Structure formats: structure tokens, C-alpha cells
Amino acid sequence: MSNCVYIATSLDGFIADKNGGLDWLHSIPNPDGSDMGFADFMATIDALVMGRNTFETVLSFDGEWPYPKPVYVASNSLEMVPADVDDKASLIQGTPEEIITALNGRGLKNLYIDGGATIQQFLQCDLIDEMIITTIPVLLGEGIPLFAHLERPLEFEHLKTDVLLGSLVKSHYRRVKV
């Protein structure tokens, strides 16, 4: 079982700009249209857990639904997902622990945890086993941070780092539990 974060940040640790924008994610030319290993990562997971804000951001993207795996939207305020994605996404409620228990009980053992507040909640409960963070060389100055206050430090070990497109730094970490 593994709960993994796969996300991009700015040099100053933001996952979105102050208006929630993501245009800066595409600031580095990608002439070959590389997915930076995303498809390989998706092949290792059983389902995604994302918060409402991330889900609504994904719904605003042009093009096809980006995920080939089931998506569970952690929300206490949404009553239903839009009909055009109800075969791809469903709602789930509860604490991070309850969500993990429910999904593991459905045979979904390797989970991709996505969205700023959701990642922060899972980290606060020490439920993130791995993080793959791609740093994009741009300073946003302000925005939505990846990390927030923790009750105690969480130690991770560095597994590897790759440089993509000559400027993106993708680092893989695994939680060290003592």
C-alpha cells in the first residue's frame, strides 16, 4: 500500500499562483510533448483522491478527462459530481484515515493524493508514503503553498532526482517512519 503525491511547484513552493492559476506550469518549452513520466506514474496507482478545488480546476481544463483511473473527490460540501464525469469521478467523505480505510477496503491500495489542502491534511495525519515533486524554475512570490503547518516533523529519504527538459527538477522521496 502506498499513498503518493505527484505534483509540480514553483521554486518558492507554490502549486498555483495567487489567483489559483496554473499557466506558469507551461513556462518551459516542451516541443516533444513529454508527459514527464506521468503515464508511468499513473500505471502504478489504483485511484486518485483529490479535494473539491482541485476537482473543479480539472473540470475547467480543455480537452479530455486526464485520468485513466477512478477519481474520488474528498468533499463535505459537494452533493454530486457533474453528469458528464460521474462514470469517472465520485464523492467520498471523511477524515484522511477514513478515506484511506474505505478505499483500501475496495481493493484500492496505491493512491495518488492531489490538491493543496488535501495533501496538507494527509501529511498532517502522516498518511503520505511517497512524494514526487517537480520544481519549475519560476518564482511566483505568492500563491497556494504545497506545504503548511505540521504538528511534528516528517522525515523523508531522497530516492532519485531527474532533470527534465534541461530545467525542471523532478525529485522522488519516500517517508521514513521511525
N, C-alpha and C. Protein backbone atom coordinates (compact mmCIF):
# COMPACT_ATOMS: atom_id res chain seq x y z
N MET A 1 0.84 -1.19 0.00
CA MET A 1 0.00 0.00 0.00
C MET A 1 0.88 1.24 0.00
N SER A 2 0.43 2.22 -0.76
CA SER A 2 1.20 3.45 -0.82
C SER A 2 0.29 4.62 -1.17
N ASN A 3 0.47 5.71 -0.48
CA ASN A 3 -0.22 6.96 -0.78
C ASN A 3 0.83 7.92 -1.28
N CYS A 4 0.67 8.37 -2.52
CA CYS A 4 1.72 9.14 -3.17
C CYS A 4 1.23 10.49 -3.67
N VAL A 5 2.07 11.48 -3.54
CA VAL A 5 1.85 12.81 -4.10
C VAL A 5 2.69 12.91 -5.36
N TYR A 6 2.11 13.42 -6.43
CA TYR A 6 2.83 13.68 -7.68
C TYR A 6 2.39 15.07 -8.10
N ILE A 7 3.29 16.05 -7.98
CA ILE A 7 2.87 17.44 -8.14
C ILE A 7 4.04 18.31 -8.59
N ALA A 8 3.72 19.46 -9.13
CA ALA A 8 4.74 20.45 -9.51
C ALA A 8 4.62 21.67 -8.61
N THR A 9 5.76 22.27 -8.32
CA THR A 9 5.78 23.51 -7.53
C THR A 9 6.69 24.52 -8.22
N SER A 10 6.47 25.76 -7.84
CA SER A 10 7.39 26.82 -8.24
C SER A 10 8.63 26.72 -7.36
N LEU A 11 9.67 27.46 -7.71
CA LEU A 11 10.88 27.47 -6.86
C LEU A 11 10.57 27.87 -5.43
N ASP A 12 9.57 28.74 -5.27
CA ASP A 12 9.24 29.19 -3.91
C ASP A 12 8.11 28.38 -3.28
N GLY A 13 7.83 27.18 -3.82
CA GLY A 13 6.97 26.22 -3.14
C GLY A 13 5.47 26.36 -3.35
N PHE A 14 5.06 27.07 -4.40
CA PHE A 14 3.63 27.22 -4.65
C PHE A 14 3.15 26.25 -5.73
N ILE A 15 1.91 25.77 -5.58
CA ILE A 15 1.33 24.86 -6.57
C ILE A 15 0.36 25.58 -7.49
N ALA A 16 0.03 26.80 -7.17
CA ALA A 16 -0.81 27.66 -8.02
C ALA A 16 -0.47 29.10 -7.68
N ASP A 17 -0.76 30.00 -8.61
CA ASP A 17 -0.48 31.40 -8.32
C ASP A 17 -1.55 31.98 -7.40
N LYS A 18 -1.45 33.26 -7.08
CA LYS A 18 -2.36 33.86 -6.09
C LYS A 18 -3.82 33.82 -6.52
N ASN A 19 -4.08 33.67 -7.83
CA ASN A 19 -5.45 33.58 -8.33
C ASN A 19 -5.85 32.13 -8.62
N GLY A 20 -5.01 31.19 -8.19
CA GLY A 20 -5.29 29.78 -8.45
C GLY A 20 -4.86 29.35 -9.85
N GLY A 21 -4.18 30.24 -10.58
CA GLY A 21 -3.79 29.95 -11.95
C GLY A 21 -2.62 28.98 -12.05
N LEU A 22 -2.60 28.27 -13.18
CA LEU A 22 -1.57 27.26 -13.42
C LEU A 22 -0.79 27.51 -14.71
N ASP A 23 -0.97 28.65 -15.34
CA ASP A 23 -0.29 28.92 -16.62
C ASP A 23 1.23 28.78 -16.50
N TRP A 24 1.79 29.15 -15.37
CA TRP A 24 3.24 29.09 -15.16
C TRP A 24 3.77 27.66 -15.28
N LEU A 25 2.90 26.64 -15.13
CA LEU A 25 3.34 25.25 -15.28
C LEU A 25 3.87 24.97 -16.69
N HIS A 26 3.44 25.77 -17.64
CA HIS A 26 3.81 25.56 -19.04
C HIS A 26 4.81 26.59 -19.52
N SER A 27 5.56 27.17 -18.59
CA SER A 27 6.51 28.22 -18.95
C SER A 27 7.78 27.70 -19.61
N ILE A 28 8.06 26.41 -19.49
CA ILE A 28 9.24 25.80 -20.11
C ILE A 28 8.79 25.12 -21.40
N PRO A 29 9.43 25.44 -22.51
CA PRO A 29 9.05 24.80 -23.77
C PRO A 29 9.17 23.28 -23.69
N ASN A 30 8.19 22.60 -24.28
CA ASN A 30 8.15 21.15 -24.31
C ASN A 30 7.81 20.72 -25.74
N PRO A 31 8.76 20.91 -26.65
CA PRO A 31 8.47 20.69 -28.08
C PRO A 31 8.04 19.27 -28.43
N ASP A 32 8.49 18.28 -27.67
CA ASP A 32 8.11 16.89 -27.97
C ASP A 32 6.85 16.44 -27.24
N GLY A 33 6.27 17.33 -26.41
CA GLY A 33 5.06 17.00 -25.68
C GLY A 33 5.25 15.91 -24.64
N SER A 34 6.42 15.87 -24.02
CA SER A 34 6.70 14.86 -22.99
C SER A 34 5.70 14.98 -21.83
N ASP A 35 5.28 13.85 -21.31
CA ASP A 35 4.40 13.86 -20.13
C ASP A 35 5.20 13.81 -18.83
N MET A 36 6.52 13.90 -18.95
CA MET A 36 7.45 13.95 -17.80
C MET A 36 7.34 12.73 -16.88
N GLY A 37 6.87 11.61 -17.43
CA GLY A 37 6.75 10.39 -16.63
C GLY A 37 5.39 10.18 -15.99
N PHE A 38 4.43 11.06 -16.30
CA PHE A 38 3.11 10.97 -15.68
C PHE A 38 2.41 9.65 -16.00
N ALA A 39 2.45 9.21 -17.26
CA ALA A 39 1.78 7.95 -17.63
C ALA A 39 2.40 6.77 -16.87
N ASP A 40 3.71 6.77 -16.75
CA ASP A 40 4.37 5.69 -15.99
C ASP A 40 3.93 5.72 -14.53
N PHE A 41 3.83 6.92 -13.96
CA PHE A 41 3.35 7.04 -12.58
C PHE A 41 1.92 6.53 -12.46
N MET A 42 1.05 6.97 -13.38
CA MET A 42 -0.36 6.57 -13.32
C MET A 42 -0.52 5.05 -13.40
N ALA A 43 0.40 4.38 -14.10
CA ALA A 43 0.34 2.92 -14.20
C ALA A 43 0.56 2.24 -12.85
N THR A 44 1.12 2.96 -11.88
CA THR A 44 1.42 2.38 -10.57
C THR A 44 0.32 2.60 -9.54
N ILE A 45 -0.68 3.40 -9.88
CA ILE A 45 -1.70 3.72 -8.88
C ILE A 45 -3.05 3.08 -9.23
N ASP A 46 -3.88 2.94 -8.20
CA ASP A 46 -5.21 2.35 -8.37
C ASP A 46 -6.30 3.39 -8.49
N ALA A 47 -6.12 4.54 -7.83
CA ALA A 47 -7.15 5.58 -7.82
C ALA A 47 -6.54 6.89 -7.34
N LEU A 48 -7.27 7.98 -7.57
CA LEU A 48 -6.86 9.30 -7.12
C LEU A 48 -7.82 9.80 -6.04
N VAL A 49 -7.28 10.54 -5.08
CA VAL A 49 -8.07 11.26 -4.10
C VAL A 49 -7.70 12.72 -4.26
N MET A 50 -8.69 13.55 -4.54
CA MET A 50 -8.42 14.98 -4.68
C MET A 50 -9.51 15.77 -3.99
N GLY A 51 -9.16 16.99 -3.62
CA GLY A 51 -10.12 17.87 -2.98
C GLY A 51 -11.02 18.55 -4.00
N ARG A 52 -12.03 19.22 -3.49
CA ARG A 52 -13.02 19.88 -4.35
C ARG A 52 -12.37 20.93 -5.25
N ASN A 53 -11.50 21.77 -4.70
CA ASN A 53 -10.90 22.83 -5.52
C ASN A 53 -10.11 22.26 -6.68
N THR A 54 -9.32 21.22 -6.43
CA THR A 54 -8.55 20.59 -7.49
C THR A 54 -9.49 19.97 -8.52
N PHE A 55 -10.53 19.31 -8.07
CA PHE A 55 -11.52 18.72 -8.97
C PHE A 55 -12.14 19.79 -9.87
N GLU A 56 -12.53 20.90 -9.28
CA GLU A 56 -13.13 21.97 -10.08
C GLU A 56 -12.13 22.56 -11.06
N THR A 57 -10.87 22.63 -10.68
CA THR A 57 -9.83 23.10 -11.60
C THR A 57 -9.68 22.13 -12.77
N VAL A 58 -9.65 20.83 -12.48
CA VAL A 58 -9.54 19.82 -13.54
C VAL A 58 -10.74 19.91 -14.48
N LEU A 59 -11.93 20.13 -13.94
CA LEU A 59 -13.12 20.25 -14.78
C LEU A 59 -13.03 21.44 -15.73
N SER A 60 -12.26 22.46 -15.36
CA SER A 60 -12.15 23.65 -16.20
C SER A 60 -11.16 23.49 -17.35
N PHE A 61 -10.36 22.42 -17.35
CA PHE A 61 -9.38 22.20 -18.41
C PHE A 61 -10.09 21.88 -19.72
N ASP A 62 -9.50 22.36 -20.81
CA ASP A 62 -9.98 21.98 -22.14
C ASP A 62 -9.49 20.57 -22.43
N GLY A 63 -10.23 19.86 -23.24
CA GLY A 63 -9.78 18.53 -23.65
C GLY A 63 -10.46 17.42 -22.88
N GLU A 64 -9.92 16.24 -23.08
CA GLU A 64 -10.48 15.04 -22.48
C GLU A 64 -10.14 14.92 -21.00
N TRP A 65 -10.91 14.12 -20.30
CA TRP A 65 -10.65 13.81 -18.89
C TRP A 65 -9.24 13.24 -18.78
N PRO A 66 -8.39 13.79 -17.90
CA PRO A 66 -6.97 13.42 -17.90
C PRO A 66 -6.59 12.15 -17.15
N TYR A 67 -7.53 11.52 -16.47
CA TYR A 67 -7.14 10.40 -15.61
C TYR A 67 -7.76 9.07 -16.08
N PRO A 68 -6.92 8.06 -16.26
CA PRO A 68 -7.42 6.75 -16.66
C PRO A 68 -7.85 5.87 -15.47
N LYS A 69 -7.75 6.41 -14.27
CA LYS A 69 -8.10 5.67 -13.05
C LYS A 69 -9.27 6.37 -12.35
N PRO A 70 -9.98 5.66 -11.45
CA PRO A 70 -11.09 6.28 -10.72
C PRO A 70 -10.60 7.46 -9.88
N VAL A 71 -11.41 8.50 -9.83
CA VAL A 71 -11.12 9.70 -9.04
C VAL A 71 -12.16 9.79 -7.92
N TYR A 72 -11.67 10.00 -6.70
CA TYR A 72 -12.54 10.20 -5.55
C TYR A 72 -12.33 11.63 -5.06
N VAL A 73 -13.41 12.38 -5.04
CA VAL A 73 -13.36 13.79 -4.65
C VAL A 73 -13.74 13.88 -3.18
N ALA A 74 -12.76 14.27 -2.37
CA ALA A 74 -12.99 14.43 -0.93
C ALA A 74 -13.66 15.79 -0.71
N SER A 75 -14.93 15.75 -0.38
CA SER A 75 -15.68 16.99 -0.19
C SER A 75 -16.85 16.75 0.75
N ASN A 76 -17.02 17.70 1.66
CA ASN A 76 -18.18 17.66 2.54
C ASN A 76 -19.28 18.59 2.05
N SER A 77 -18.99 19.36 0.99
CA SER A 77 -19.98 20.33 0.51
C SER A 77 -20.58 19.99 -0.85
N LEU A 78 -19.85 19.27 -1.69
CA LEU A 78 -20.43 18.86 -2.98
C LEU A 78 -21.49 17.80 -2.74
N GLU A 79 -22.59 17.89 -3.48
CA GLU A 79 -23.63 16.88 -3.34
C GLU A 79 -23.58 15.83 -4.43
N MET A 80 -22.98 16.21 -5.59
CA MET A 80 -22.82 15.26 -6.69
C MET A 80 -21.77 15.79 -7.65
N VAL A 81 -21.21 14.89 -8.44
CA VAL A 81 -20.28 15.32 -9.48
C VAL A 81 -21.10 15.55 -10.75
N PRO A 82 -20.61 16.39 -11.67
CA PRO A 82 -21.35 16.62 -12.91
C PRO A 82 -21.61 15.31 -13.66
N ALA A 83 -22.75 15.23 -14.32
CA ALA A 83 -23.16 14.01 -15.01
C ALA A 83 -22.15 13.55 -16.06
N ASP A 84 -21.44 14.50 -16.69
CA ASP A 84 -20.52 14.10 -17.76
C ASP A 84 -19.25 13.42 -17.24
N VAL A 85 -19.04 13.42 -15.92
CA VAL A 85 -17.88 12.71 -15.35
C VAL A 85 -18.28 11.73 -14.26
N ASP A 86 -19.59 11.47 -14.11
CA ASP A 86 -19.99 10.60 -13.00
C ASP A 86 -19.58 9.14 -13.19
N ASP A 87 -19.09 8.78 -14.39
CA ASP A 87 -18.53 7.44 -14.59
C ASP A 87 -17.03 7.42 -14.33
N LYS A 88 -16.45 8.61 -14.05
CA LYS A 88 -15.00 8.72 -13.82
C LYS A 88 -14.67 9.21 -12.42
N ALA A 89 -15.59 9.94 -11.81
CA ALA A 89 -15.34 10.56 -10.50
C ALA A 89 -16.54 10.35 -9.59
N SER A 90 -16.25 10.20 -8.31
CA SER A 90 -17.32 10.09 -7.32
C SER A 90 -16.88 10.78 -6.04
N LEU A 91 -17.84 11.07 -5.21
CA LEU A 91 -17.58 11.77 -3.96
C LEU A 91 -17.20 10.78 -2.86
N ILE A 92 -16.37 11.27 -1.96
CA ILE A 92 -16.03 10.49 -0.76
C ILE A 92 -15.90 11.48 0.40
N GLN A 93 -16.37 11.08 1.56
CA GLN A 93 -16.30 11.95 2.73
C GLN A 93 -15.57 11.24 3.85
N GLY A 94 -15.10 12.06 4.79
CA GLY A 94 -14.46 11.51 5.98
C GLY A 94 -13.09 12.12 6.21
N THR A 95 -12.48 11.68 7.28
CA THR A 95 -11.12 12.11 7.59
C THR A 95 -10.18 11.41 6.61
N PRO A 96 -8.94 11.88 6.51
CA PRO A 96 -7.99 11.14 5.66
C PRO A 96 -7.90 9.66 6.03
N GLU A 97 -7.90 9.35 7.32
CA GLU A 97 -7.83 7.95 7.75
C GLU A 97 -9.04 7.16 7.27
N GLU A 98 -10.24 7.76 7.39
CA GLU A 98 -11.46 7.09 6.96
C GLU A 98 -11.49 6.88 5.45
N ILE A 99 -10.99 7.87 4.72
CA ILE A 99 -10.95 7.76 3.25
C ILE A 99 -10.01 6.63 2.84
N ILE A 100 -8.82 6.58 3.44
CA ILE A 100 -7.86 5.52 3.12
C ILE A 100 -8.45 4.15 3.45
N THR A 101 -9.06 4.02 4.62
CA THR A 101 -9.66 2.75 5.03
C THR A 101 -10.75 2.32 4.05
N ALA A 102 -11.60 3.26 3.66
CA ALA A 102 -12.70 2.94 2.74
C ALA A 102 -12.16 2.49 1.38
N LEU A 103 -11.19 3.22 0.84
CA LEU A 103 -10.66 2.88 -0.48
C LEU A 103 -9.84 1.60 -0.45
N ASN A 104 -9.04 1.42 0.60
CA ASN A 104 -8.30 0.16 0.74
C ASN A 104 -9.27 -1.02 0.82
N GLY A 105 -10.40 -0.81 1.50
CA GLY A 105 -11.43 -1.85 1.60
C GLY A 105 -12.05 -2.21 0.27
N ARG A 106 -11.95 -1.31 -0.70
CA ARG A 106 -12.45 -1.58 -2.06
C ARG A 106 -11.34 -2.15 -2.95
N GLY A 107 -10.21 -2.48 -2.34
CA GLY A 107 -9.10 -3.06 -3.10
C GLY A 107 -8.20 -2.01 -3.74
N LEU A 108 -8.42 -0.74 -3.43
CA LEU A 108 -7.61 0.35 -3.99
C LEU A 108 -6.50 0.66 -2.99
N LYS A 109 -5.33 0.13 -3.26
CA LYS A 109 -4.23 0.17 -2.29
C LYS A 109 -3.20 1.26 -2.57
N ASN A 110 -2.99 1.61 -3.84
CA ASN A 110 -2.00 2.61 -4.21
C ASN A 110 -2.73 3.86 -4.68
N LEU A 111 -2.68 4.89 -3.84
CA LEU A 111 -3.49 6.08 -4.08
C LEU A 111 -2.63 7.29 -4.40
N TYR A 112 -3.10 8.06 -5.35
CA TYR A 112 -2.49 9.33 -5.75
C TYR A 112 -3.28 10.42 -5.03
N ILE A 113 -2.63 11.11 -4.12
CA ILE A 113 -3.26 12.17 -3.33
C ILE A 113 -2.92 13.50 -4.00
N ASP A 114 -3.96 14.29 -4.37
CA ASP A 114 -3.73 15.50 -5.14
C ASP A 114 -4.53 16.66 -4.58
N GLY A 115 -3.95 17.86 -4.71
CA GLY A 115 -4.61 19.09 -4.27
C GLY A 115 -4.00 19.60 -2.99
N GLY A 116 -3.75 20.90 -2.95
CA GLY A 116 -3.03 21.51 -1.83
C GLY A 116 -3.58 21.18 -0.46
N ALA A 117 -4.84 21.51 -0.21
CA ALA A 117 -5.41 21.28 1.12
C ALA A 117 -5.48 19.79 1.43
N THR A 118 -5.78 18.98 0.44
CA THR A 118 -5.89 17.53 0.65
C THR A 118 -4.52 16.95 1.00
N ILE A 119 -3.50 17.33 0.25
CA ILE A 119 -2.14 16.87 0.56
C ILE A 119 -1.75 17.30 1.97
N GLN A 120 -2.03 18.54 2.32
CA GLN A 120 -1.68 19.04 3.66
C GLN A 120 -2.39 18.25 4.75
N GLN A 121 -3.67 17.90 4.54
CA GLN A 121 -4.42 17.13 5.54
C GLN A 121 -3.83 15.72 5.68
N PHE A 122 -3.49 15.09 4.56
CA PHE A 122 -2.92 13.75 4.61
C PHE A 122 -1.54 13.78 5.26
N LEU A 123 -0.75 14.81 4.98
CA LEU A 123 0.55 14.95 5.65
C LEU A 123 0.37 15.15 7.15
N GLN A 124 -0.58 15.97 7.54
CA GLN A 124 -0.82 16.22 8.96
C GLN A 124 -1.14 14.91 9.69
N CYS A 125 -1.79 13.98 8.99
CA CYS A 125 -2.14 12.67 9.58
C CYS A 125 -1.05 11.62 9.31
N ASP A 126 0.06 12.05 8.73
CA ASP A 126 1.18 11.16 8.39
C ASP A 126 0.73 9.99 7.51
N LEU A 127 -0.03 10.34 6.46
CA LEU A 127 -0.55 9.34 5.55
C LEU A 127 0.02 9.44 4.14
N ILE A 128 1.13 10.14 3.97
CA ILE A 128 1.80 10.21 2.67
C ILE A 128 3.06 9.35 2.75
N ASP A 129 3.15 8.39 1.85
CA ASP A 129 4.29 7.47 1.84
C ASP A 129 5.39 7.91 0.87
N GLU A 130 4.99 8.56 -0.22
CA GLU A 130 5.96 9.00 -1.22
C GLU A 130 5.53 10.35 -1.78
N MET A 131 6.53 11.13 -2.20
CA MET A 131 6.26 12.39 -2.88
C MET A 131 7.18 12.49 -4.09
N ILE A 132 6.58 12.80 -5.22
CA ILE A 132 7.33 13.08 -6.44
C ILE A 132 7.01 14.53 -6.77
N ILE A 133 8.01 15.38 -6.60
CA ILE A 133 7.81 16.83 -6.74
C ILE A 133 8.69 17.34 -7.87
N THR A 134 8.05 17.95 -8.86
CA THR A 134 8.78 18.57 -9.96
C THR A 134 8.82 20.07 -9.72
N THR A 135 10.02 20.61 -9.63
CA THR A 135 10.20 22.04 -9.38
C THR A 135 10.41 22.76 -10.71
N ILE A 136 9.58 23.76 -10.94
CA ILE A 136 9.66 24.56 -12.15
C ILE A 136 10.39 25.86 -11.81
N PRO A 137 11.40 26.23 -12.60
CA PRO A 137 12.24 27.38 -12.24
C PRO A 137 11.55 28.73 -12.48
N VAL A 138 10.56 29.00 -11.63
CA VAL A 138 9.87 30.28 -11.66
C VAL A 138 9.54 30.65 -10.22
N LEU A 139 9.67 31.92 -9.89
CA LEU A 139 9.27 32.43 -8.58
C LEU A 139 7.92 33.10 -8.74
N LEU A 140 6.93 32.67 -7.96
CA LEU A 140 5.59 33.27 -8.04
C LEU A 140 5.41 34.39 -7.01
N GLY A 141 6.16 34.35 -5.93
CA GLY A 141 6.06 35.39 -4.92
C GLY A 141 4.93 35.17 -3.92
N GLU A 142 3.83 34.64 -4.40
CA GLU A 142 2.70 34.29 -3.53
C GLU A 142 1.80 33.33 -4.29
N GLY A 143 0.94 32.67 -3.57
CA GLY A 143 0.05 31.71 -4.20
C GLY A 143 -0.41 30.66 -3.21
N ILE A 144 -0.75 29.51 -3.73
CA ILE A 144 -1.21 28.39 -2.89
C ILE A 144 0.01 27.51 -2.60
N PRO A 145 0.41 27.41 -1.32
CA PRO A 145 1.62 26.63 -0.99
C PRO A 145 1.34 25.13 -1.00
N LEU A 146 2.37 24.37 -1.32
CA LEU A 146 2.26 22.91 -1.23
C LEU A 146 2.20 22.47 0.23
N PHE A 147 3.05 23.05 1.05
CA PHE A 147 3.14 22.60 2.44
C PHE A 147 2.59 23.64 3.40
N ALA A 148 2.14 23.15 4.56
CA ALA A 148 1.61 24.03 5.61
C ALA A 148 2.13 23.52 6.95
N HIS A 149 1.61 24.10 8.00
CA HIS A 149 2.00 23.75 9.37
C HIS A 149 1.80 22.25 9.62
N LEU A 150 2.78 21.65 10.29
CA LEU A 150 2.67 20.27 10.74
C LEU A 150 2.85 20.24 12.25
N GLU A 151 2.18 19.33 12.90
CA GLU A 151 2.30 19.18 14.36
C GLU A 151 3.69 18.69 14.75
N ARG A 152 4.31 17.93 13.84
CA ARG A 152 5.65 17.41 14.10
C ARG A 152 6.35 17.20 12.75
N PRO A 153 7.67 17.20 12.76
CA PRO A 153 8.40 16.98 11.50
C PRO A 153 8.14 15.58 10.94
N LEU A 154 8.14 15.49 9.62
CA LEU A 154 8.04 14.20 8.92
C LEU A 154 9.31 14.03 8.09
N GLU A 155 10.02 12.95 8.32
CA GLU A 155 11.28 12.73 7.62
C GLU A 155 11.05 11.89 6.37
N PHE A 156 11.67 12.32 5.28
CA PHE A 156 11.62 11.60 4.01
C PHE A 156 13.04 11.32 3.56
N GLU A 157 13.22 10.21 2.82
CA GLU A 157 14.52 9.94 2.23
C GLU A 157 14.44 10.22 0.73
N HIS A 158 15.52 10.75 0.20
CA HIS A 158 15.61 11.04 -1.22
C HIS A 158 15.91 9.76 -1.98
N LEU A 159 15.11 9.45 -2.99
CA LEU A 159 15.33 8.25 -3.80
C LEU A 159 16.06 8.56 -5.09
N LYS A 160 15.63 9.62 -5.79
CA LYS A 160 16.31 10.00 -7.02
C LYS A 160 15.83 11.36 -7.49
N THR A 161 16.62 11.95 -8.37
CA THR A 161 16.28 13.23 -8.99
C THR A 161 16.61 13.15 -10.47
N ASP A 162 15.70 13.64 -11.28
CA ASP A 162 15.91 13.72 -12.73
C ASP A 162 15.75 15.17 -13.16
N VAL A 163 16.52 15.56 -14.16
CA VAL A 163 16.35 16.88 -14.78
C VAL A 163 15.59 16.66 -16.08
N LEU A 164 14.48 17.35 -16.24
CA LEU A 164 13.64 17.21 -17.42
C LEU A 164 13.68 18.49 -18.24
N LEU A 165 13.69 18.35 -19.54
CA LEU A 165 13.70 19.49 -20.47
C LEU A 165 14.83 20.47 -20.16
N GLY A 166 15.87 19.98 -19.54
CA GLY A 166 17.02 20.82 -19.24
C GLY A 166 16.80 21.85 -18.15
N SER A 167 15.61 21.87 -17.51
CA SER A 167 15.38 22.87 -16.46
C SER A 167 14.42 22.49 -15.35
N LEU A 168 13.62 21.47 -15.53
CA LEU A 168 12.72 21.03 -14.47
C LEU A 168 13.45 20.00 -13.61
N VAL A 169 13.27 20.07 -12.31
CA VAL A 169 13.93 19.14 -11.40
C VAL A 169 12.85 18.30 -10.72
N LYS A 170 12.85 17.01 -11.04
CA LYS A 170 11.85 16.07 -10.52
C LYS A 170 12.52 15.17 -9.49
N SER A 171 12.10 15.32 -8.23
CA SER A 171 12.70 14.56 -7.13
C SER A 171 11.67 13.63 -6.50
N HIS A 172 12.14 12.43 -6.16
CA HIS A 172 11.29 11.39 -5.59
C HIS A 172 11.76 11.12 -4.16
N TYR A 173 10.80 11.18 -3.22
CA TYR A 173 11.09 10.97 -1.80
C TYR A 173 10.18 9.89 -1.23
N ARG A 174 10.68 9.17 -0.23
CA ARG A 174 9.89 8.16 0.47
C ARG A 174 9.91 8.46 1.96
N ARG A 175 8.77 8.32 2.59
CA ARG A 175 8.61 8.58 4.02
C ARG A 175 9.44 7.59 4.83
N VAL A 176 10.18 8.12 5.79
CA VAL A 176 10.95 7.30 6.73
C VAL A 176 10.17 7.30 8.03
N LYS A 177 9.69 6.13 8.40
CA LYS A 177 8.93 6.01 9.65
C LYS A 177 9.84 5.40 10.70
N VAL A 178 9.96 6.11 11.82
CA VAL A 178 10.84 5.65 12.90
C VAL A 178 10.05 5.10 14.05
